[in-house]
Amino acid sequence: MRSVLALAGVIGSLVLTPVAAVAAPHIILSCPSEARGTVTHTGDAGWIATNQSSRVTGVRFETIGGQSSLVCVYLMFGSEYWIYRRPQADYPRCRPADGGAGFYCQPPA
């Protein structure tokens, strides 16, 4: 009976022993934390244009110029404003990163 309990204890400790996770190679492409928009005008100096800024509100994938693009979305002047980039050639498989402020990208499958 003792040997059965000892064996159960050994097996139990092996099951509960943490195993280091092997992370797949990846990169995180973070969106710029803030975007700022400036307006210029042709009126006289009595007119003042307001600038706006926004923190990133989301991310998405869009086709821009016929190419897949990683898009960071901001809200300015009552509408969406996009800042985008192409995925890196050596890390083309991307998905939104946790937190929604960038992309988690991996090498080709």
Protein backbone atom coordinates (compact mmCIF):
# COMPACT_ATOMS: atom_id res chain seq x y z
CA MET A 1 0.00 0.00 0.00
CA ARG A 2 2.87 2.38 0.83
CA SER A 3 4.46 1.79 -2.55
CA VAL A 4 1.15 2.57 -4.30
CA LEU A 5 0.81 5.81 -2.31
CA ALA A 6 4.44 6.74 -2.99
CA LEU A 7 3.97 6.07 -6.70
CA ALA A 8 0.79 8.16 -6.70
CA GLY A 9 2.68 10.99 -4.99
CA VAL A 10 5.47 10.89 -7.57
CA ILE A 11 2.99 10.88 -10.46
CA GLY A 12 1.02 13.70 -8.83
CA SER A 13 4.13 15.84 -8.45
CA LEU A 14 5.06 15.27 -12.09
CA VAL A 15 1.61 16.31 -13.26
CA LEU A 16 1.75 19.51 -11.18
CA THR A 17 5.31 20.40 -12.17
CA PRO A 18 5.18 23.48 -14.40
CA VAL A 19 6.57 22.97 -17.87
CA ALA A 20 8.19 25.93 -19.61
CA ALA A 21 6.13 26.89 -22.65
CA VAL A 22 8.01 27.17 -25.88
CA ALA A 23 6.82 30.33 -27.58
CA ALA A 24 6.61 30.32 -31.34
CA PRO A 25 8.75 33.01 -32.98
CA HIS A 26 6.71 36.19 -33.28
CA ILE A 27 6.83 39.97 -33.22
CA ILE A 28 4.38 42.52 -31.88
CA LEU A 29 3.73 45.52 -34.11
CA SER A 30 2.28 48.17 -31.80
CA CYS A 31 0.14 50.99 -33.13
CA PRO A 32 1.35 54.53 -32.46
CA SER A 33 -0.19 55.37 -29.09
CA GLU A 34 -1.60 58.68 -30.31
CA ALA A 35 -2.40 60.37 -33.63
CA ARG A 36 -2.70 64.13 -34.08
CA GLY A 37 -4.50 65.95 -36.87
CA THR A 38 -3.82 69.55 -37.87
CA VAL A 39 -6.00 71.68 -40.09
CA THR A 40 -4.76 74.58 -42.18
CA HIS A 41 -6.99 77.11 -43.89
CA THR A 42 -6.84 79.96 -46.35
CA GLY A 43 -8.84 82.41 -44.22
CA ASP A 44 -7.43 85.44 -42.42
CA ALA A 45 -5.82 85.27 -38.97
CA GLY A 46 -9.20 85.81 -37.30
CA TRP A 47 -10.12 82.20 -38.06
CA ILE A 48 -8.61 79.59 -35.78
CA ALA A 49 -8.47 75.91 -36.74
CA THR A 50 -8.68 73.39 -33.93
CA ASN A 51 -6.29 70.45 -33.85
CA GLN A 52 -7.41 67.05 -32.65
CA SER A 53 -5.74 64.00 -31.23
CA SER A 54 -6.89 60.50 -30.45
CA ARG A 55 -5.61 57.35 -28.87
CA VAL A 56 -5.90 54.15 -30.89
CA THR A 57 -9.48 52.84 -30.77
CA GLY A 58 -9.04 49.57 -32.65
CA VAL A 59 -7.23 47.61 -35.33
CA ARG A 60 -8.30 45.88 -38.52
CA PHE A 61 -7.07 44.42 -41.79
CA GLU A 62 -7.78 46.32 -45.01
CA THR A 63 -6.70 46.12 -48.63
CA ILE A 64 -5.02 49.42 -49.49
CA GLY A 65 -3.54 49.91 -52.93
CA GLY A 66 -4.25 46.27 -53.69
CA GLN A 67 -2.11 45.09 -50.76
CA SER A 68 -3.06 43.64 -47.40
CA SER A 69 -2.48 46.24 -44.69
CA LEU A 70 -2.47 46.37 -40.89
CA VAL A 71 -4.63 49.33 -39.87
CA CYS A 72 -4.66 51.22 -36.58
CA VAL A 73 -7.91 53.17 -36.15
CA TYR A 74 -8.25 56.56 -34.40
CA LEU A 75 -11.22 58.95 -34.09
CA MET A 76 -10.64 62.53 -35.20
CA PHE A 77 -12.83 65.29 -36.62
CA GLY A 78 -15.92 63.10 -36.15
CA SER A 79 -14.65 60.23 -38.26
CA GLU A 80 -12.19 57.35 -38.39
CA TYR A 81 -8.59 58.12 -39.20
CA TRP A 82 -6.26 55.28 -40.23
CA ILE A 83 -2.55 54.80 -39.82
CA TYR A 84 -1.42 51.68 -41.64
CA ARG A 85 1.57 49.57 -42.60
CA ARG A 86 2.25 46.41 -44.52
CA PRO A 87 3.08 43.17 -42.66
CA GLN A 88 6.80 42.42 -42.52
CA ALA A 89 7.90 39.92 -45.18
CA ASP A 90 9.44 37.58 -42.59
CA TYR A 91 6.37 37.79 -40.26
CA PRO A 92 3.38 37.90 -42.63
CA ARG A 93 0.77 36.00 -40.54
CA CYS A 94 -0.81 38.62 -38.27
CA ARG A 95 -3.78 38.83 -35.95
CA PRO A 96 -4.91 41.56 -33.56
CA ALA A 97 -2.73 41.55 -30.45
CA ASP A 98 -4.27 41.28 -27.00
CA GLY A 99 -5.45 44.70 -25.91
CA GLY A 100 -6.41 45.81 -29.43
CA ALA A 101 -3.54 48.28 -29.93
CA GLY A 102 -1.38 46.37 -32.38
CA PHE A 103 -0.74 43.10 -34.17
CA TYR A 104 0.80 39.75 -33.22
CA CYS A 105 2.69 38.45 -36.27
CA GLN A 106 4.37 35.10 -36.99
CA PRO A 107 6.61 33.72 -39.74
CA PRO A 108 5.11 31.84 -42.70
CA ALA A 109 3.56 28.50 -41.81
